[in-house]
Amino acid sequence: MSQQQRQSVELPSRIVDRVEDRLPRTEFDSSAEYITYVMEEVLYRVEQETEDDDFEDVDEDEVKDRLKSLGYLDE
């Protein structure tokens, strides 16, 4: 990953534990890289769903369903 400005974000331990469990089955060297990738993917998809630059409400249930399908939220 390139040298970009970084900012710390607190995540629940249960999320970090799940990421660390999955890490050996991925191409990522660290949980931070994996979490960054997942967040970029989710944000990209949300941004693609908006028609133009106007802000539109995001369906919270859709985001939760997507995060569940990626294994980041418990059922």
N, C-alpha and C. Protein backbone atom coordinates (compact mmCIF):
# COMPACT_ATOMS: atom_id res chain seq x y z
N MET A 1 0.85 -1.18 0.00
CA MET A 1 0.00 0.00 0.00
C MET A 1 0.89 1.24 0.00
N SER A 2 0.52 2.23 -0.75
CA SER A 2 1.35 3.42 -0.88
C SER A 2 1.33 4.25 0.40
N GLN A 3 2.27 5.16 0.47
CA GLN A 3 2.38 6.03 1.64
C GLN A 3 1.31 7.11 1.55
N GLN A 4 0.21 6.88 2.19
CA GLN A 4 -0.89 7.83 2.21
C GLN A 4 -1.07 8.32 3.64
N GLN A 5 -1.69 9.48 3.77
CA GLN A 5 -2.01 9.94 5.11
C GLN A 5 -2.93 8.93 5.75
N ARG A 6 -2.77 8.71 7.01
CA ARG A 6 -3.57 7.73 7.73
C ARG A 6 -4.24 8.38 8.91
N GLN A 7 -5.36 7.81 9.26
CA GLN A 7 -6.11 8.26 10.42
C GLN A 7 -6.63 7.02 11.13
N SER A 8 -6.55 7.00 12.43
CA SER A 8 -7.02 5.84 13.20
C SER A 8 -8.53 5.87 13.34
N VAL A 9 -9.11 4.68 13.29
CA VAL A 9 -10.54 4.51 13.49
C VAL A 9 -10.72 3.34 14.44
N GLU A 10 -11.56 3.49 15.42
CA GLU A 10 -11.81 2.39 16.35
C GLU A 10 -12.87 1.47 15.78
N LEU A 11 -12.60 0.17 15.85
CA LEU A 11 -13.54 -0.85 15.40
C LEU A 11 -13.80 -1.80 16.56
N PRO A 12 -14.99 -2.37 16.60
CA PRO A 12 -15.25 -3.36 17.64
C PRO A 12 -14.29 -4.54 17.50
N SER A 13 -13.87 -5.09 18.63
CA SER A 13 -12.93 -6.22 18.63
C SER A 13 -13.47 -7.38 17.82
N ARG A 14 -14.77 -7.59 17.84
CA ARG A 14 -15.35 -8.72 17.11
C ARG A 14 -15.11 -8.59 15.60
N ILE A 15 -15.07 -7.38 15.09
CA ILE A 15 -14.81 -7.16 13.67
C ILE A 15 -13.33 -7.44 13.38
N VAL A 16 -12.46 -6.89 14.19
CA VAL A 16 -11.03 -7.09 13.98
C VAL A 16 -10.68 -8.57 14.09
N ASP A 17 -11.27 -9.26 15.05
CA ASP A 17 -11.02 -10.70 15.21
C ASP A 17 -11.45 -11.47 13.96
N ARG A 18 -12.58 -11.12 13.41
CA ARG A 18 -13.07 -11.80 12.20
C ARG A 18 -12.16 -11.53 11.01
N VAL A 19 -11.69 -10.29 10.89
CA VAL A 19 -10.77 -9.95 9.81
C VAL A 19 -9.48 -10.75 9.97
N GLU A 20 -8.96 -10.80 11.17
CA GLU A 20 -7.72 -11.53 11.41
C GLU A 20 -7.89 -13.03 11.14
N ASP A 21 -9.07 -13.56 11.42
CA ASP A 21 -9.34 -14.98 11.10
C ASP A 21 -9.33 -15.22 9.59
N ARG A 22 -9.80 -14.26 8.83
CA ARG A 22 -9.87 -14.40 7.37
C ARG A 22 -8.55 -14.08 6.67
N LEU A 23 -7.73 -13.32 7.32
CA LEU A 23 -6.50 -12.81 6.71
C LEU A 23 -5.64 -13.89 6.05
N PRO A 24 -5.42 -15.06 6.65
CA PRO A 24 -4.58 -16.07 5.99
C PRO A 24 -5.16 -16.56 4.66
N ARG A 25 -6.44 -16.38 4.43
CA ARG A 25 -7.07 -16.83 3.18
C ARG A 25 -7.17 -15.70 2.16
N THR A 26 -6.44 -14.63 2.40
CA THR A 26 -6.48 -13.48 1.49
C THR A 26 -5.08 -13.19 0.98
N GLU A 27 -5.00 -12.21 0.10
CA GLU A 27 -3.72 -11.76 -0.44
C GLU A 27 -3.13 -10.61 0.36
N PHE A 28 -3.81 -10.20 1.42
CA PHE A 28 -3.39 -9.02 2.18
C PHE A 28 -2.39 -9.38 3.27
N ASP A 29 -1.46 -8.45 3.52
CA ASP A 29 -0.42 -8.66 4.52
C ASP A 29 -0.84 -8.23 5.93
N SER A 30 -1.86 -7.40 6.01
CA SER A 30 -2.28 -6.92 7.33
C SER A 30 -3.80 -6.74 7.36
N SER A 31 -4.32 -6.73 8.58
CA SER A 31 -5.76 -6.50 8.72
C SER A 31 -6.13 -5.09 8.26
N ALA A 32 -5.23 -4.13 8.46
CA ALA A 32 -5.50 -2.75 8.02
C ALA A 32 -5.67 -2.68 6.50
N GLU A 33 -4.83 -3.41 5.76
CA GLU A 33 -4.96 -3.43 4.30
C GLU A 33 -6.29 -4.07 3.88
N TYR A 34 -6.64 -5.14 4.54
CA TYR A 34 -7.89 -5.84 4.21
C TYR A 34 -9.11 -4.98 4.51
N ILE A 35 -9.12 -4.35 5.67
CA ILE A 35 -10.24 -3.49 6.06
C ILE A 35 -10.34 -2.30 5.10
N THR A 36 -9.21 -1.73 4.71
CA THR A 36 -9.21 -0.61 3.76
C THR A 36 -9.82 -1.05 2.43
N TYR A 37 -9.42 -2.23 1.95
CA TYR A 37 -9.96 -2.75 0.70
C TYR A 37 -11.48 -2.92 0.78
N VAL A 38 -11.94 -3.53 1.85
CA VAL A 38 -13.38 -3.77 1.99
C VAL A 38 -14.14 -2.45 2.06
N MET A 39 -13.64 -1.50 2.80
CA MET A 39 -14.31 -0.20 2.90
C MET A 39 -14.33 0.50 1.55
N GLU A 40 -13.24 0.44 0.81
CA GLU A 40 -13.22 1.05 -0.52
C GLU A 40 -14.23 0.39 -1.45
N GLU A 41 -14.35 -0.93 -1.38
CA GLU A 41 -15.32 -1.65 -2.20
C GLU A 41 -16.75 -1.24 -1.85
N VAL A 42 -17.06 -1.19 -0.57
CA VAL A 42 -18.41 -0.82 -0.15
C VAL A 42 -18.72 0.61 -0.57
N LEU A 43 -17.78 1.52 -0.31
CA LEU A 43 -18.00 2.92 -0.69
C LEU A 43 -18.15 3.08 -2.20
N TYR A 44 -17.34 2.36 -2.97
CA TYR A 44 -17.44 2.43 -4.43
C TYR A 44 -18.84 2.02 -4.88
N ARG A 45 -19.33 0.92 -4.35
CA ARG A 45 -20.65 0.44 -4.75
C ARG A 45 -21.75 1.40 -4.34
N VAL A 46 -21.64 1.98 -3.17
CA VAL A 46 -22.64 2.96 -2.73
C VAL A 46 -22.59 4.18 -3.65
N GLU A 47 -21.39 4.64 -3.97
CA GLU A 47 -21.25 5.81 -4.83
C GLU A 47 -21.76 5.52 -6.24
N GLN A 48 -21.58 4.31 -6.74
CA GLN A 48 -22.06 3.94 -8.07
C GLN A 48 -23.58 3.93 -8.14
N GLU A 49 -24.22 3.70 -7.02
CA GLU A 49 -25.68 3.63 -6.99
C GLU A 49 -26.34 5.01 -7.05
N THR A 50 -25.58 6.03 -6.78
CA THR A 50 -26.14 7.38 -6.85
C THR A 50 -26.08 7.87 -8.30
N GLU A 51 -27.13 8.46 -8.75
CA GLU A 51 -27.27 8.87 -10.15
C GLU A 51 -26.36 10.02 -10.53
N ASP A 52 -26.22 10.98 -9.64
CA ASP A 52 -25.41 12.16 -9.95
C ASP A 52 -24.76 12.65 -8.67
N ASP A 53 -24.29 13.87 -8.67
CA ASP A 53 -23.58 14.40 -7.51
C ASP A 53 -24.50 14.78 -6.37
N ASP A 54 -25.80 14.77 -6.60
CA ASP A 54 -26.73 15.10 -5.52
C ASP A 54 -26.70 13.99 -4.49
N PHE A 55 -26.71 14.37 -3.22
CA PHE A 55 -26.71 13.38 -2.15
C PHE A 55 -28.05 12.68 -2.11
N GLU A 56 -27.99 11.38 -2.06
CA GLU A 56 -29.21 10.59 -1.91
C GLU A 56 -29.07 9.74 -0.67
N ASP A 57 -30.16 9.54 0.05
CA ASP A 57 -30.12 8.68 1.21
C ASP A 57 -29.75 7.27 0.79
N VAL A 58 -28.92 6.64 1.59
CA VAL A 58 -28.52 5.27 1.35
C VAL A 58 -29.42 4.39 2.20
N ASP A 59 -29.91 3.32 1.61
CA ASP A 59 -30.77 2.40 2.34
C ASP A 59 -29.90 1.64 3.34
N GLU A 60 -30.09 1.96 4.61
CA GLU A 60 -29.27 1.37 5.66
C GLU A 60 -29.38 -0.14 5.68
N ASP A 61 -30.57 -0.67 5.41
CA ASP A 61 -30.74 -2.12 5.39
C ASP A 61 -29.92 -2.77 4.27
N GLU A 62 -29.82 -2.10 3.12
CA GLU A 62 -29.02 -2.63 2.02
C GLU A 62 -27.54 -2.68 2.40
N VAL A 63 -27.06 -1.62 3.05
CA VAL A 63 -25.66 -1.57 3.47
C VAL A 63 -25.40 -2.67 4.50
N LYS A 64 -26.32 -2.83 5.46
CA LYS A 64 -26.15 -3.87 6.47
C LYS A 64 -26.16 -5.25 5.84
N ASP A 65 -27.06 -5.49 4.89
CA ASP A 65 -27.11 -6.78 4.20
C ASP A 65 -25.81 -7.05 3.47
N ARG A 66 -25.26 -6.03 2.82
CA ARG A 66 -24.00 -6.19 2.08
C ARG A 66 -22.86 -6.50 3.04
N LEU A 67 -22.79 -5.78 4.16
CA LEU A 67 -21.74 -6.03 5.13
C LEU A 67 -21.87 -7.42 5.76
N LYS A 68 -23.13 -7.88 5.96
CA LYS A 68 -23.34 -9.24 6.46
C LYS A 68 -22.85 -10.25 5.45
N SER A 69 -23.14 -10.02 4.16
CA SER A 69 -22.72 -10.97 3.15
C SER A 69 -21.19 -11.03 3.02
N LEU A 70 -20.51 -9.95 3.38
CA LEU A 70 -19.06 -9.93 3.36
C LEU A 70 -18.47 -10.46 4.66
N GLY A 71 -19.35 -10.75 5.62
CA GLY A 71 -18.89 -11.32 6.88
C GLY A 71 -18.48 -10.33 7.92
N TYR A 72 -18.90 -9.07 7.78
CA TYR A 72 -18.48 -8.05 8.72
C TYR A 72 -19.54 -7.70 9.76
N LEU A 73 -20.73 -8.20 9.61
CA LEU A 73 -21.76 -8.01 10.62
C LEU A 73 -22.32 -9.36 10.98
N ASP A 74 -22.63 -9.54 12.26
CA ASP A 74 -23.26 -10.78 12.69
C ASP A 74 -24.71 -10.80 12.22
N GLU A 75 -25.21 -11.99 12.03
CA GLU A 75 -26.61 -12.16 11.59
C GLU A 75 -27.55 -11.64 12.64
